Amino acid sequence: MDTVDALEACIGKAPAPVNLKVIDHLDEGALRWIAASPLVFAGFGEAPRIGVTLGGGHPGFAGGDAHELRLPTALLDDPTLARPGMGFGSLFPLPGIGETLRVNGRVVKADEGEIRIAVEECYGHCAKALIRSDFWAASPGAATPRDAAAFLSASRFMALATIDAQGRADLSPKGDPAGTMASLEDGRAWFAERPGNRRVDSFRNIIVQPHVAAALLIPGSTHVAHLSGSAWLTTDEAVRARFVVQGKTPVLVTGIDEPTIDLRESPTLVRANLWPVKARPEGIDVAKVFVTHVKLNSDKGLGARLASAVLSVPGVTGLLQKGLDKDYKTNLY
């Protein structure tokens, strides 16, 4: 599969409401989210190369304002990945909450102990990847295979970093039970596509810039497998059959040729002490954050105005949360 048309014919086009939740700045809800998060998955790149690292260790490690995100270099596992002008993609999880916040932009400064990112996109991501991985249900001290193939097989969560031809970075969460999330076979790494937010940015990027990087985790372990290589997409029936879960076969699988895999302990995960999960942060209403982002979207078209009007109806936040919960139960695979 090597064209966007073929990709969309396989998995469909992203519905219009998906893009309405994207804003071009950090609003109050996003800033509260970032302040409450103890962890960031961060991708830095310039076409065609990209790398991914972890950062944080305690809530409040990251900061910023409406148009700039700031990360302390000392709290990134590999701050050398960041250089001015690079594309940036990130994922901020919150303890006990399945949804995540994604912030994309471009590095404007990377010195004096701080990395500054000009924010271009901010939006919430659905909880399916973390639910499928049982991310927050893990216990500390999970067994950590020392062999790359065994670690990939045991992994349950992945942060996938890709980049497009213009140097815009994307970092997408993936999650599945052990044995069905990723594998290393025949000299290639593999992972499956599952139902999610249907933005498919990462797969569009792979078509134009196939070099990818990923951080794979076994929730409960402080070790991370850093994976990189040249990716391609396939609908081959035999390949897809390797990743069947609950009787559901994925429509698409990604292969990574000549993968480089580096397995090492993450200082960030050691500091963060994520498991067992702590109490959910107070003052974060996920559905309200999502609704507010739709209202703040810069699109002034008729569809956007209608969506904003509907979401202004009293009680709609609760209905949205119920809709999300139902989707998580019935459409995980």
Protein backbone atom coordinates (compact mmCIF):
# COMPACT_ATOMS: atom_id res chain seq x y z
CA MET A 1 0.00 0.00 0.00
CA ASP A 2 1.76 3.12 -1.19
CA THR A 3 -0.87 5.82 -1.82
CA VAL A 4 -3.20 7.81 0.43
CA ASP A 5 -6.15 6.79 -1.78
CA ALA A 6 -5.38 3.11 -1.18
CA LEU A 7 -5.06 3.78 2.55
CA GLU A 8 -8.43 5.53 2.73
CA ALA A 9 -10.05 2.80 0.65
CA CYS A 10 -8.84 0.33 3.28
CA ILE A 11 -9.67 2.10 6.54
CA GLY A 12 -11.92 4.96 5.43
CA LYS A 13 -11.58 8.72 5.62
CA ALA A 14 -11.47 10.49 8.94
CA PRO A 15 -14.94 11.87 9.77
CA ALA A 16 -15.16 15.66 9.79
CA PRO A 17 -15.85 15.93 13.57
CA VAL A 18 -12.43 14.38 14.27
CA ASN A 19 -10.66 17.48 12.95
CA LEU A 20 -13.02 19.83 14.79
CA LYS A 21 -11.50 18.81 18.13
CA VAL A 22 -8.07 20.16 17.10
CA ILE A 23 -7.05 23.61 18.31
CA ASP A 24 -3.89 25.58 17.49
CA HIS A 25 -2.93 26.55 21.04
CA LEU A 26 -2.94 25.34 24.64
CA ASP A 27 -6.18 26.39 26.27
CA GLU A 28 -6.81 26.43 30.02
CA GLY A 29 -7.94 22.80 30.06
CA ALA A 30 -4.85 21.64 28.16
CA LEU A 31 -2.52 23.56 30.46
CA ARG A 32 -4.18 21.95 33.52
CA TRP A 33 -3.79 18.55 31.86
CA ILE A 34 -0.08 19.09 31.19
CA ALA A 35 0.47 20.35 34.74
CA ALA A 36 -1.12 17.17 36.13
CA SER A 37 0.77 14.74 33.90
CA PRO A 38 3.93 13.02 35.22
CA LEU A 39 4.98 11.74 31.78
CA VAL A 40 5.42 12.72 28.16
CA PHE A 41 6.21 10.63 25.11
CA ALA A 42 8.01 13.01 22.74
CA GLY A 43 9.02 12.65 19.11
CA PHE A 44 11.54 14.98 17.48
CA GLY A 45 12.43 14.91 13.80
CA GLU A 46 13.36 16.52 10.52
CA ALA A 47 12.51 14.68 7.34
CA PRO A 48 13.28 11.91 6.91
CA ARG A 49 14.69 11.12 10.38
CA ILE A 50 12.78 11.00 13.64
CA GLY A 51 13.40 9.77 17.19
CA VAL A 52 11.24 9.26 20.26
CA THR A 53 12.01 9.58 23.95
CA LEU A 54 10.27 9.76 27.32
CA GLY A 55 10.33 12.65 29.76
CA GLY A 56 9.03 13.74 33.14
CA GLY A 57 8.91 11.97 36.47
CA HIS A 58 6.46 14.06 38.49
CA PRO A 59 3.37 16.18 37.83
CA GLY A 60 4.21 19.73 36.86
CA PHE A 61 7.52 18.94 35.16
CA ALA A 62 6.26 20.54 31.92
CA GLY A 63 4.85 24.01 31.52
CA GLY A 64 4.06 26.69 29.05
CA ASP A 65 1.48 29.18 27.91
CA ALA A 66 -1.08 29.37 25.15
CA HIS A 67 1.42 29.20 22.31
CA GLU A 68 4.52 27.56 23.77
CA LEU A 69 5.23 24.26 25.50
CA ARG A 70 8.35 24.05 27.67
CA LEU A 71 10.19 20.87 28.69
CA PRO A 72 13.28 20.71 30.97
CA THR A 73 16.12 18.93 29.17
CA ALA A 74 17.28 17.28 32.40
CA LEU A 75 13.99 15.37 32.61
CA LEU A 76 14.12 13.87 29.11
CA ASP A 77 15.73 10.47 28.68
CA ASP A 78 17.41 11.67 25.47
CA PRO A 79 17.36 15.47 25.12
CA THR A 80 19.93 15.31 22.29
CA LEU A 81 17.08 14.43 19.92
CA ALA A 82 15.77 18.03 20.07
CA ARG A 83 17.21 20.75 17.86
CA PRO A 84 15.70 24.08 16.74
CA GLY A 85 13.53 23.77 13.65
CA MET A 86 12.61 20.15 14.28
CA GLY A 87 9.08 18.88 14.15
CA PHE A 88 7.63 17.81 17.51
CA GLY A 89 4.86 15.39 18.44
CA SER A 90 3.89 14.42 21.98
CA LEU A 91 1.50 12.47 24.15
CA PHE A 92 0.64 13.38 27.77
CA PRO A 93 -1.10 10.64 29.81
CA LEU A 94 -2.78 11.13 33.19
CA PRO A 95 -2.72 8.47 35.97
CA GLY A 96 -5.85 6.32 35.91
CA ILE A 97 -7.30 8.06 32.84
CA GLY A 98 -7.42 6.37 29.45
CA GLU A 99 -7.63 9.48 27.29
CA THR A 100 -4.43 11.33 26.47
CA LEU A 101 -3.53 14.84 25.31
CA ARG A 102 -1.56 15.25 22.10
CA VAL A 103 0.48 18.39 21.43
CA ASN A 104 2.31 18.93 18.13
CA GLY A 105 4.50 21.79 16.94
CA ARG A 106 8.05 22.78 16.19
CA VAL A 107 11.15 23.24 18.36
CA VAL A 108 12.17 26.90 18.58
CA LYS A 109 14.85 26.59 21.26
CA ALA A 110 16.88 23.78 22.80
CA ASP A 111 19.49 25.15 25.17
CA GLU A 112 19.98 26.59 28.67
CA GLY A 113 18.33 23.57 30.19
CA GLU A 114 15.03 23.94 28.35
CA ILE A 115 13.32 22.88 25.15
CA ARG A 116 10.70 25.29 23.84
CA ILE A 117 8.10 24.20 21.33
CA ALA A 118 5.85 26.49 19.30
CA VAL A 119 2.43 24.83 19.54
CA GLU A 120 0.62 24.12 16.27
CA GLU A 121 -1.91 21.46 17.31
CA CYS A 122 -3.52 20.34 20.56
CA TYR A 123 -6.26 17.74 20.91
CA GLY A 124 -7.51 14.87 23.04
CA HIS A 125 -7.04 11.25 22.03
CA CYS A 126 -9.50 8.47 22.82
CA ALA A 127 -8.79 5.89 25.54
CA LYS A 128 -8.74 2.75 23.39
CA ALA A 129 -4.97 2.23 23.26
CA LEU A 130 -4.53 2.46 27.04
CA ILE A 131 -7.63 0.33 27.66
CA ARG A 132 -6.45 -2.42 25.31
CA SER A 133 -3.01 -2.41 26.95
CA ASP A 134 -4.34 -2.44 30.55
CA PHE A 135 -1.82 0.36 31.01
CA TRP A 136 -3.03 1.61 34.38
CA ALA A 137 -3.93 -1.83 35.75
CA ALA A 138 -0.28 -2.97 35.85
CA SER A 139 1.69 -3.74 39.00
CA PRO A 140 5.29 -2.62 39.52
CA GLY A 141 8.13 -5.03 38.85
CA ALA A 142 6.70 -6.63 35.72
CA ALA A 143 8.99 -9.25 34.21
CA THR A 144 11.35 -7.66 31.68
CA PRO A 145 12.68 -9.94 28.92
CA ARG A 146 16.28 -9.16 27.98
CA ASP A 147 15.85 -10.45 24.44
CA ALA A 148 14.49 -7.98 21.87
CA ALA A 149 12.06 -10.42 20.26
CA ALA A 150 10.71 -11.52 23.64
CA PHE A 151 10.33 -7.91 24.82
CA LEU A 152 8.38 -6.93 21.70
CA SER A 153 6.11 -9.95 22.14
CA ALA A 154 5.48 -9.05 25.80
CA SER A 155 4.95 -5.33 25.11
CA ARG A 156 1.45 -3.91 25.43
CA PHE A 157 1.87 -0.20 24.65
CA MET A 158 3.69 1.72 21.94
CA ALA A 159 4.21 5.39 21.14
CA LEU A 160 4.79 5.59 17.37
CA ALA A 161 6.59 8.65 15.97
CA THR A 162 6.36 9.55 12.27
CA ILE A 163 7.04 12.64 10.18
CA ASP A 164 5.66 14.03 6.93
CA ALA A 165 7.43 15.56 3.94
CA GLN A 166 7.19 19.06 5.48
CA GLY A 167 8.78 17.98 8.74
CA ARG A 168 5.56 17.90 10.79
CA ALA A 169 5.81 15.21 13.46
CA ASP A 170 3.10 12.95 14.84
CA LEU A 171 3.15 10.66 17.86
CA SER A 172 0.39 8.06 18.04
CA PRO A 173 -0.48 5.65 20.90
CA LYS A 174 -0.96 1.94 20.19
CA GLY A 175 -2.05 -0.71 22.69
CA ASP A 176 -2.94 -4.40 22.77
CA PRO A 177 -2.65 -7.47 24.98
CA ALA A 178 0.79 -9.09 25.19
CA GLY A 179 1.48 -11.26 22.17
CA THR A 180 -0.73 -9.24 19.84
CA MET A 181 0.73 -5.73 20.10
CA ALA A 182 4.01 -6.20 18.24
CA SER A 183 6.30 -8.98 17.07
CA LEU A 184 9.73 -9.58 15.57
CA GLU A 185 9.63 -12.22 12.84
CA ASP A 186 11.64 -12.96 9.69
CA GLY A 187 13.95 -10.02 10.39
CA ARG A 188 11.05 -7.55 10.47
CA ALA A 189 9.08 -5.87 13.25
CA TRP A 190 5.29 -5.88 12.92
CA PHE A 191 2.32 -4.20 14.59
CA ALA A 192 -1.39 -3.97 13.81
CA GLU A 193 -3.81 -1.09 13.30
CA ARG A 194 -6.85 -1.10 15.59
CA PRO A 195 -9.93 1.17 15.76
CA GLY A 196 -9.07 4.61 17.13
CA ASN A 197 -9.64 8.23 16.29
CA ARG A 198 -9.29 7.58 12.53
CA ARG A 199 -7.02 10.56 11.89
CA VAL A 200 -4.46 8.11 10.40
CA ASP A 201 -1.74 10.78 10.38
CA SER A 202 0.95 8.20 11.12
CA PHE A 203 -0.03 6.03 8.15
CA ARG A 204 -0.22 8.99 5.79
CA ASN A 205 3.26 9.93 6.99
CA ILE A 206 4.62 6.42 6.45
CA ILE A 207 3.53 6.57 2.80
CA VAL A 208 5.56 9.75 2.14
CA GLN A 209 8.36 9.33 4.73
CA PRO A 210 8.75 5.67 5.76
CA HIS A 211 11.34 6.10 8.51
CA VAL A 212 9.66 5.65 11.91
CA ALA A 213 10.65 5.45 15.57
CA ALA A 214 8.76 3.95 18.48
CA ALA A 215 8.97 3.39 22.23
CA LEU A 216 7.47 0.08 23.36
CA LEU A 217 6.55 -0.58 27.00
CA ILE A 218 5.50 -3.44 29.22
CA PRO A 219 3.33 -1.57 31.76
CA GLY A 220 4.76 -2.19 35.21
CA SER A 221 8.34 -2.36 33.92
CA THR A 222 10.74 0.58 33.83
CA HIS A 223 12.43 -0.66 30.65
CA VAL A 224 11.67 0.59 27.15
CA ALA A 225 12.42 -0.90 23.74
CA HIS A 226 13.37 1.85 21.28
CA LEU A 227 12.57 0.70 17.76
CA SER A 228 13.38 2.37 14.45
CA GLY A 229 13.45 1.42 10.79
CA SER A 230 11.75 1.79 7.44
CA ALA A 231 8.01 1.10 7.62
CA TRP A 232 5.46 -0.07 5.07
CA LEU A 233 1.77 -0.97 5.16
CA THR A 234 0.15 -4.25 4.16
CA THR A 235 -3.28 -5.85 4.02
CA ASP A 236 -1.82 -9.33 3.46
CA GLU A 237 -4.29 -11.82 4.95
CA ALA A 238 -1.65 -14.15 6.41
CA VAL A 239 0.14 -11.27 8.14
CA ARG A 240 -3.09 -9.83 9.53
CA ALA A 241 -4.09 -13.23 10.88
CA ARG A 242 -1.16 -13.10 13.33
CA PHE A 243 -2.85 -10.25 15.19
CA VAL A 244 -6.38 -11.54 15.72
CA VAL A 245 -7.88 -10.45 19.09
CA GLN A 246 -11.37 -11.38 20.31
CA GLY A 247 -12.07 -12.86 16.91
CA LYS A 248 -11.34 -9.54 15.17
CA THR A 249 -8.71 -9.34 12.44
CA PRO A 250 -7.05 -5.95 11.89
CA VAL A 251 -7.57 -4.39 8.47
CA LEU A 252 -3.98 -3.19 8.27
CA VAL A 253 -0.55 -4.20 9.57
CA THR A 254 2.69 -2.21 9.52
CA GLY A 255 5.99 -3.92 8.81
CA ILE A 256 9.37 -2.37 9.70
CA ASP A 257 12.35 -3.51 7.64
CA GLU A 258 15.84 -3.93 9.13
CA PRO A 259 14.67 -2.73 12.55
CA THR A 260 17.09 -1.35 15.10
CA ILE A 261 16.01 -2.22 18.64
CA ASP A 262 17.64 -0.75 21.74
CA LEU A 263 16.39 -2.09 25.06
CA ARG A 264 17.24 0.03 28.11
CA GLU A 265 15.87 1.27 31.41
CA SER A 266 14.09 4.63 31.31
CA PRO A 267 15.15 7.11 34.02
CA THR A 268 11.80 8.81 33.44
CA LEU A 269 9.81 5.68 34.31
CA VAL A 270 11.99 5.13 37.38
CA ARG A 271 11.26 8.67 38.59
CA ALA A 272 7.59 8.61 37.66
CA ASN A 273 6.80 5.50 39.72
CA LEU A 274 3.58 5.08 37.72
CA TRP A 275 2.50 1.71 39.08
CA PRO A 276 0.40 0.90 41.01
CA VAL A 277 -1.65 3.79 39.69
CA LYS A 278 -2.11 6.77 41.96
CA ALA A 279 -5.39 8.61 42.42
CA ARG A 280 -6.81 10.26 39.33
CA PRO A 281 -5.88 13.96 39.15
CA GLU A 282 -8.58 16.25 40.46
CA GLY A 283 -10.07 19.01 38.36
CA ILE A 284 -9.72 17.21 34.99
CA ASP A 285 -13.03 16.55 33.22
CA VAL A 286 -12.02 14.74 30.04
CA ALA A 287 -15.32 15.17 28.21
CA LYS A 288 -15.39 18.88 29.09
CA VAL A 289 -11.86 19.34 27.71
CA PHE A 290 -12.91 17.67 24.44
CA VAL A 291 -16.08 19.75 24.17
CA THR A 292 -14.20 22.98 24.82
CA HIS A 293 -11.69 22.17 22.09
CA VAL A 294 -14.47 21.77 19.53
CA LYS A 295 -15.85 25.17 20.55
CA LEU A 296 -12.39 26.74 20.28
CA ASN A 297 -11.58 25.25 16.87
CA SER A 298 -10.56 27.91 14.37
CA ASP A 299 -12.76 26.42 11.63
CA LYS A 300 -15.63 28.86 11.10
CA GLY A 301 -17.50 26.78 8.52
CA LEU A 302 -21.14 25.79 8.86
CA GLY A 303 -20.32 22.30 10.18
CA ALA A 304 -18.07 23.72 12.88
CA ARG A 305 -20.67 26.31 13.91
CA LEU A 306 -23.37 23.65 14.13
CA ALA A 307 -21.14 21.36 16.20
CA SER A 308 -20.33 24.20 18.58
CA ALA A 309 -24.01 25.06 18.95
CA VAL A 310 -24.94 21.45 19.72
CA LEU A 311 -22.15 21.16 22.29
CA SER A 312 -23.40 24.29 24.04
CA VAL A 313 -26.64 22.54 25.03
CA PRO A 314 -26.77 21.95 28.83
CA GLY A 315 -25.93 18.38 29.79
CA VAL A 316 -24.16 17.55 26.54
CA THR A 317 -20.85 16.87 28.30
CA GLY A 318 -22.39 13.99 30.24
CA LEU A 319 -23.93 12.59 27.07
CA LEU A 320 -20.57 12.77 25.31
CA GLN A 321 -18.91 10.86 28.15
CA LYS A 322 -21.60 8.17 27.95
CA GLY A 323 -21.03 7.93 24.21
CA LEU A 324 -17.29 7.55 24.69
CA ASP A 325 -17.78 4.86 27.34
CA LYS A 326 -20.10 2.91 25.06
CA ASP A 327 -17.65 3.13 22.15
CA TYR A 328 -14.84 1.87 24.38
CA LYS A 329 -16.91 -1.18 25.32
CA THR A 330 -18.21 -2.09 21.87
CA ASN A 331 -15.56 -0.95 19.39
CA LEU A 332 -12.14 -1.79 20.87
CA TYR A 333 -11.31 -4.16 18.03
